[in-house]
N, C-alpha and C. Protein backbone atom coordinates (compact mmCIF):
# COMPACT_ATOMS: atom_id res chain seq x y z
N MET A 1 0.81 -1.19 0.00
CA MET A 1 0.00 0.00 0.00
C MET A 1 0.86 1.26 0.00
N LYS A 2 2.10 1.18 0.49
CA LYS A 2 2.96 2.35 0.52
C LYS A 2 3.23 2.87 -0.89
N ALA A 3 3.25 1.99 -1.88
CA ALA A 3 3.49 2.42 -3.25
C ALA A 3 2.40 3.35 -3.74
N LEU A 4 1.22 3.26 -3.16
CA LEU A 4 0.12 4.13 -3.58
C LEU A 4 0.14 5.48 -2.88
N ALA A 5 0.96 5.65 -1.86
CA ALA A 5 0.94 6.89 -1.08
C ALA A 5 1.21 8.12 -1.91
N LEU A 6 2.26 8.12 -2.73
CA LEU A 6 2.58 9.29 -3.53
C LEU A 6 1.48 9.60 -4.54
N PRO A 7 0.97 8.61 -5.31
CA PRO A 7 -0.14 8.94 -6.22
C PRO A 7 -1.38 9.45 -5.50
N ILE A 8 -1.63 8.95 -4.28
CA ILE A 8 -2.78 9.41 -3.53
C ILE A 8 -2.62 10.88 -3.18
N ILE A 9 -1.44 11.25 -2.69
CA ILE A 9 -1.19 12.65 -2.35
C ILE A 9 -1.30 13.52 -3.58
N ILE A 10 -0.72 13.07 -4.68
CA ILE A 10 -0.79 13.85 -5.92
C ILE A 10 -2.24 13.98 -6.38
N SER A 11 -3.00 12.89 -6.30
CA SER A 11 -4.41 12.96 -6.70
C SER A 11 -5.18 13.91 -5.80
N ALA A 12 -4.90 13.85 -4.49
CA ALA A 12 -5.60 14.75 -3.57
C ALA A 12 -5.26 16.20 -3.86
N LEU A 13 -4.00 16.49 -4.15
CA LEU A 13 -3.61 17.86 -4.46
C LEU A 13 -4.15 18.30 -5.81
N ALA A 14 -4.07 17.42 -6.80
CA ALA A 14 -4.58 17.76 -8.12
C ALA A 14 -6.08 18.02 -8.07
N ALA A 15 -6.76 17.37 -7.17
CA ALA A 15 -8.20 17.54 -7.05
C ALA A 15 -8.58 18.94 -6.62
N CYS A 16 -7.67 19.67 -6.00
CA CYS A 16 -7.97 21.04 -5.58
C CYS A 16 -8.35 21.91 -6.76
N ALA A 17 -7.90 21.57 -7.95
CA ALA A 17 -8.18 22.38 -9.12
C ALA A 17 -9.50 22.00 -9.78
N THR A 18 -10.15 20.93 -9.33
CA THR A 18 -11.40 20.50 -9.95
C THR A 18 -12.57 21.10 -9.21
N THR A 19 -13.76 20.87 -9.73
CA THR A 19 -14.95 21.40 -9.08
C THR A 19 -15.58 20.35 -8.20
N ALA A 20 -16.41 20.79 -7.26
CA ALA A 20 -17.05 19.86 -6.33
C ALA A 20 -17.92 18.85 -7.07
N GLY A 21 -18.42 19.18 -8.24
CA GLY A 21 -19.25 18.27 -9.00
C GLY A 21 -18.51 17.02 -9.44
N ASN A 22 -17.19 17.03 -9.40
CA ASN A 22 -16.42 15.87 -9.82
C ASN A 22 -16.14 14.90 -8.68
N LEU A 23 -16.59 15.18 -7.47
CA LEU A 23 -16.33 14.30 -6.34
C LEU A 23 -17.18 13.04 -6.46
N PRO A 24 -16.61 11.89 -6.12
CA PRO A 24 -17.42 10.67 -6.10
C PRO A 24 -18.53 10.81 -5.06
N ILE A 25 -19.63 10.15 -5.29
CA ILE A 25 -20.79 10.26 -4.41
C ILE A 25 -20.46 9.79 -3.00
N GLU A 26 -19.45 8.91 -2.86
CA GLU A 26 -19.10 8.36 -1.55
C GLU A 26 -18.28 9.32 -0.70
N THR A 27 -17.87 10.46 -1.23
CA THR A 27 -17.01 11.39 -0.51
C THR A 27 -17.79 12.12 0.58
N THR A 28 -17.20 12.18 1.77
CA THR A 28 -17.76 12.97 2.86
C THR A 28 -16.68 13.90 3.36
N SER A 29 -17.08 14.96 4.02
CA SER A 29 -16.09 15.89 4.56
C SER A 29 -16.62 16.53 5.84
N GLU A 30 -15.67 16.99 6.64
CA GLU A 30 -15.99 17.73 7.85
C GLU A 30 -14.82 18.65 8.16
N TYR A 31 -15.06 19.62 9.01
CA TYR A 31 -13.95 20.48 9.41
C TYR A 31 -14.11 20.88 10.86
N THR A 32 -12.97 21.23 11.46
CA THR A 32 -12.98 21.81 12.79
C THR A 32 -12.30 23.16 12.70
N ALA A 33 -12.74 24.08 13.54
CA ALA A 33 -12.17 25.43 13.56
C ALA A 33 -11.70 25.74 14.97
N LYS A 34 -10.48 26.23 15.08
CA LYS A 34 -9.92 26.57 16.39
C LYS A 34 -9.38 27.99 16.33
N ARG A 35 -9.97 28.86 17.14
CA ARG A 35 -9.52 30.26 17.18
C ARG A 35 -8.14 30.33 17.81
N GLN A 36 -7.27 31.14 17.20
CA GLN A 36 -5.91 31.31 17.68
C GLN A 36 -5.79 32.64 18.44
N ALA A 37 -4.73 32.76 19.25
CA ALA A 37 -4.53 33.97 20.06
C ALA A 37 -4.41 35.23 19.20
N ASP A 38 -3.89 35.10 17.97
CA ASP A 38 -3.73 36.27 17.10
C ASP A 38 -5.00 36.62 16.32
N GLY A 39 -6.09 35.91 16.57
CA GLY A 39 -7.36 36.20 15.89
C GLY A 39 -7.61 35.35 14.66
N SER A 40 -6.59 34.65 14.18
CA SER A 40 -6.78 33.78 13.02
C SER A 40 -7.53 32.51 13.46
N ILE A 41 -7.94 31.72 12.49
CA ILE A 41 -8.69 30.50 12.78
C ILE A 41 -7.99 29.34 12.08
N GLU A 42 -7.58 28.35 12.86
CA GLU A 42 -6.99 27.14 12.28
C GLU A 42 -8.13 26.22 11.84
N LEU A 43 -8.09 25.82 10.58
CA LEU A 43 -9.10 24.93 10.02
C LEU A 43 -8.45 23.59 9.72
N LEU A 44 -9.08 22.51 10.16
CA LEU A 44 -8.65 21.17 9.80
C LEU A 44 -9.78 20.56 8.98
N ILE A 45 -9.51 20.36 7.70
CA ILE A 45 -10.50 19.82 6.78
C ILE A 45 -10.19 18.35 6.57
N THR A 46 -11.16 17.47 6.82
CA THR A 46 -10.96 16.04 6.63
C THR A 46 -11.96 15.56 5.58
N GLY A 47 -11.43 14.90 4.57
CA GLY A 47 -12.26 14.31 3.53
C GLY A 47 -12.06 12.81 3.53
N THR A 48 -13.14 12.08 3.28
CA THR A 48 -13.09 10.62 3.24
C THR A 48 -13.76 10.15 1.96
N THR A 49 -13.13 9.22 1.29
CA THR A 49 -13.70 8.64 0.08
C THR A 49 -13.22 7.20 -0.02
N LEU A 50 -13.70 6.48 -1.01
CA LEU A 50 -13.24 5.11 -1.21
C LEU A 50 -11.76 5.12 -1.54
N ALA A 51 -11.02 4.17 -1.00
CA ALA A 51 -9.59 4.07 -1.27
C ALA A 51 -9.36 3.77 -2.75
N PRO A 52 -8.24 4.20 -3.29
CA PRO A 52 -7.95 3.92 -4.69
C PRO A 52 -7.73 2.43 -4.92
N THR A 53 -8.06 2.01 -6.12
CA THR A 53 -7.81 0.63 -6.55
C THR A 53 -7.08 0.70 -7.87
N ARG A 54 -6.74 -0.42 -8.41
CA ARG A 54 -6.10 -0.42 -9.74
C ARG A 54 -7.05 0.08 -10.81
N ALA A 55 -8.34 -0.05 -10.56
CA ALA A 55 -9.34 0.37 -11.55
C ALA A 55 -9.81 1.81 -11.38
N SER A 56 -9.58 2.39 -10.20
CA SER A 56 -10.06 3.76 -9.99
C SER A 56 -9.14 4.50 -9.04
N GLU A 57 -9.00 5.79 -9.27
CA GLU A 57 -8.20 6.61 -8.37
C GLU A 57 -9.11 7.27 -7.35
N ALA A 58 -8.50 7.76 -6.30
CA ALA A 58 -9.25 8.46 -5.25
C ALA A 58 -8.94 9.94 -5.34
N LYS A 59 -9.97 10.76 -5.23
CA LYS A 59 -9.79 12.21 -5.25
C LYS A 59 -10.64 12.85 -4.16
N ILE A 60 -10.04 13.81 -3.50
CA ILE A 60 -10.77 14.64 -2.54
C ILE A 60 -10.48 16.09 -2.94
N ASP A 61 -11.52 16.82 -3.24
CA ASP A 61 -11.40 18.19 -3.72
C ASP A 61 -11.36 19.16 -2.54
N PHE A 62 -10.15 19.51 -2.10
CA PHE A 62 -10.01 20.38 -0.93
C PHE A 62 -10.32 21.84 -1.23
N GLY A 63 -10.23 22.27 -2.47
CA GLY A 63 -10.49 23.68 -2.79
C GLY A 63 -11.84 24.16 -2.28
N PRO A 64 -12.94 23.58 -2.75
CA PRO A 64 -14.26 24.01 -2.27
C PRO A 64 -14.48 23.73 -0.79
N LEU A 65 -13.89 22.66 -0.27
CA LEU A 65 -14.05 22.35 1.15
C LEU A 65 -13.43 23.45 2.01
N LEU A 66 -12.24 23.91 1.63
CA LEU A 66 -11.58 25.01 2.36
C LEU A 66 -12.37 26.30 2.23
N GLU A 67 -12.80 26.61 1.03
CA GLU A 67 -13.56 27.85 0.80
C GLU A 67 -14.84 27.86 1.62
N ASN A 68 -15.54 26.73 1.66
CA ASN A 68 -16.79 26.63 2.41
C ASN A 68 -16.54 26.84 3.91
N ALA A 69 -15.54 26.16 4.46
CA ALA A 69 -15.23 26.30 5.89
C ALA A 69 -14.82 27.73 6.22
N ALA A 70 -13.94 28.31 5.41
CA ALA A 70 -13.47 29.67 5.67
C ALA A 70 -14.61 30.68 5.58
N SER A 71 -15.50 30.51 4.61
CA SER A 71 -16.60 31.46 4.47
C SER A 71 -17.60 31.34 5.62
N LYS A 72 -17.75 30.15 6.20
CA LYS A 72 -18.62 29.99 7.36
C LYS A 72 -18.01 30.66 8.59
N GLU A 73 -16.70 30.53 8.74
CA GLU A 73 -16.02 31.09 9.91
C GLU A 73 -15.79 32.60 9.76
N CYS A 74 -15.64 33.08 8.54
CA CYS A 74 -15.35 34.50 8.27
C CYS A 74 -16.34 35.01 7.22
N PRO A 75 -17.59 35.25 7.59
CA PRO A 75 -18.59 35.65 6.60
C PRO A 75 -18.27 36.97 5.90
N GLY A 76 -17.43 37.81 6.51
CA GLY A 76 -17.09 39.09 5.90
C GLY A 76 -15.89 39.03 4.97
N GLY A 77 -15.35 37.86 4.75
CA GLY A 77 -14.19 37.68 3.89
C GLY A 77 -13.00 37.16 4.69
N TYR A 78 -12.00 36.68 3.99
CA TYR A 78 -10.86 36.05 4.65
C TYR A 78 -9.67 35.96 3.71
N GLU A 79 -8.52 35.76 4.31
CA GLU A 79 -7.32 35.36 3.60
C GLU A 79 -7.01 33.96 4.09
N LEU A 80 -6.60 33.09 3.20
CA LEU A 80 -6.42 31.69 3.53
C LEU A 80 -5.02 31.23 3.17
N THR A 81 -4.34 30.59 4.10
CA THR A 81 -3.08 29.92 3.81
C THR A 81 -3.28 28.46 4.18
N LYS A 82 -2.65 27.56 3.42
CA LYS A 82 -2.84 26.14 3.68
C LYS A 82 -1.53 25.39 3.58
N ASP A 83 -1.50 24.23 4.19
CA ASP A 83 -0.34 23.36 4.08
C ASP A 83 -0.20 22.92 2.62
N ALA A 84 1.01 22.58 2.25
CA ALA A 84 1.28 22.18 0.86
C ALA A 84 0.63 20.85 0.50
N ALA A 85 0.51 19.94 1.46
CA ALA A 85 -0.04 18.62 1.16
C ALA A 85 -0.86 18.12 2.34
N PRO A 86 -1.90 17.36 2.07
CA PRO A 86 -2.69 16.79 3.16
C PRO A 86 -1.97 15.59 3.78
N SER A 87 -2.33 15.26 5.01
CA SER A 87 -1.89 13.98 5.57
C SER A 87 -2.89 12.94 5.09
N VAL A 88 -2.40 11.79 4.69
CA VAL A 88 -3.24 10.79 4.05
C VAL A 88 -3.04 9.43 4.69
N LEU A 89 -4.15 8.72 4.92
CA LEU A 89 -4.07 7.34 5.37
C LEU A 89 -5.24 6.57 4.79
N THR A 90 -5.11 5.25 4.79
CA THR A 90 -6.21 4.40 4.36
C THR A 90 -6.58 3.50 5.53
N ARG A 91 -7.88 3.30 5.67
CA ARG A 91 -8.39 2.44 6.74
C ARG A 91 -9.72 1.85 6.28
N SER A 92 -9.83 0.56 6.40
CA SER A 92 -11.08 -0.16 6.10
C SER A 92 -11.62 0.20 4.71
N GLY A 93 -10.74 0.24 3.72
CA GLY A 93 -11.17 0.53 2.36
C GLY A 93 -11.49 1.99 2.08
N LYS A 94 -11.15 2.87 2.99
CA LYS A 94 -11.40 4.31 2.83
C LYS A 94 -10.09 5.07 2.80
N LEU A 95 -10.06 6.10 1.99
CA LEU A 95 -8.97 7.07 1.97
C LEU A 95 -9.41 8.22 2.86
N ILE A 96 -8.57 8.57 3.83
CA ILE A 96 -8.88 9.67 4.74
C ILE A 96 -7.75 10.67 4.64
N ALA A 97 -8.06 11.89 4.24
CA ALA A 97 -7.05 12.92 4.07
C ALA A 97 -7.45 14.15 4.87
N THR A 98 -6.47 14.76 5.55
CA THR A 98 -6.71 15.95 6.35
C THR A 98 -5.75 17.05 5.91
N LEU A 99 -6.29 18.21 5.67
CA LEU A 99 -5.50 19.36 5.26
C LEU A 99 -5.68 20.47 6.30
N ARG A 100 -4.57 21.08 6.70
CA ARG A 100 -4.60 22.16 7.67
C ARG A 100 -4.49 23.49 6.93
N ALA A 101 -5.29 24.44 7.36
CA ALA A 101 -5.25 25.79 6.78
C ALA A 101 -5.48 26.80 7.90
N VAL A 102 -5.10 28.03 7.63
CA VAL A 102 -5.35 29.12 8.57
C VAL A 102 -6.09 30.22 7.83
N ALA A 103 -7.23 30.63 8.40
CA ALA A 103 -8.03 31.70 7.82
C ALA A 103 -7.84 32.94 8.71
N THR A 104 -7.60 34.07 8.05
CA THR A 104 -7.55 35.34 8.74
C THR A 104 -8.74 36.14 8.25
N CYS A 105 -9.66 36.42 9.16
CA CYS A 105 -10.88 37.14 8.78
C CYS A 105 -10.56 38.60 8.50
N LYS A 106 -11.29 39.16 7.55
CA LYS A 106 -11.13 40.58 7.20
C LYS A 106 -12.09 41.43 8.00
C-alpha cells in the first residue's frame, strides 16, 4: 500500500483544481475550527472517500471544502493559507485525508 501513497497525495492535491461536481458520491467531509490567540482561525478539513484501486483513483477536492469552511467562519471575507499537502491514510477501504489551513478574517 505504501506504493500508492505518492499517487494518492498527488491525486488529492490535483483535485484542488477541480470542481465539487467531480467528487465521487461516496465522498464525505468535515472540518474543525480553532480560534488562535492572534485572531486567526486554524481549520482542519478532513475528507473521506473510497480508497484507490487499480481500476479507480481516489480524489478529494479540498479547494471548495476550504472555501466553504473559511466562508462559514469568516462571513465578511478572509485570507487563507494552507499546508502544501494533506496527511493521508487508508483504513477499512477508505482514503482519509486531512489538510490544515489558517483563515484570517477581514
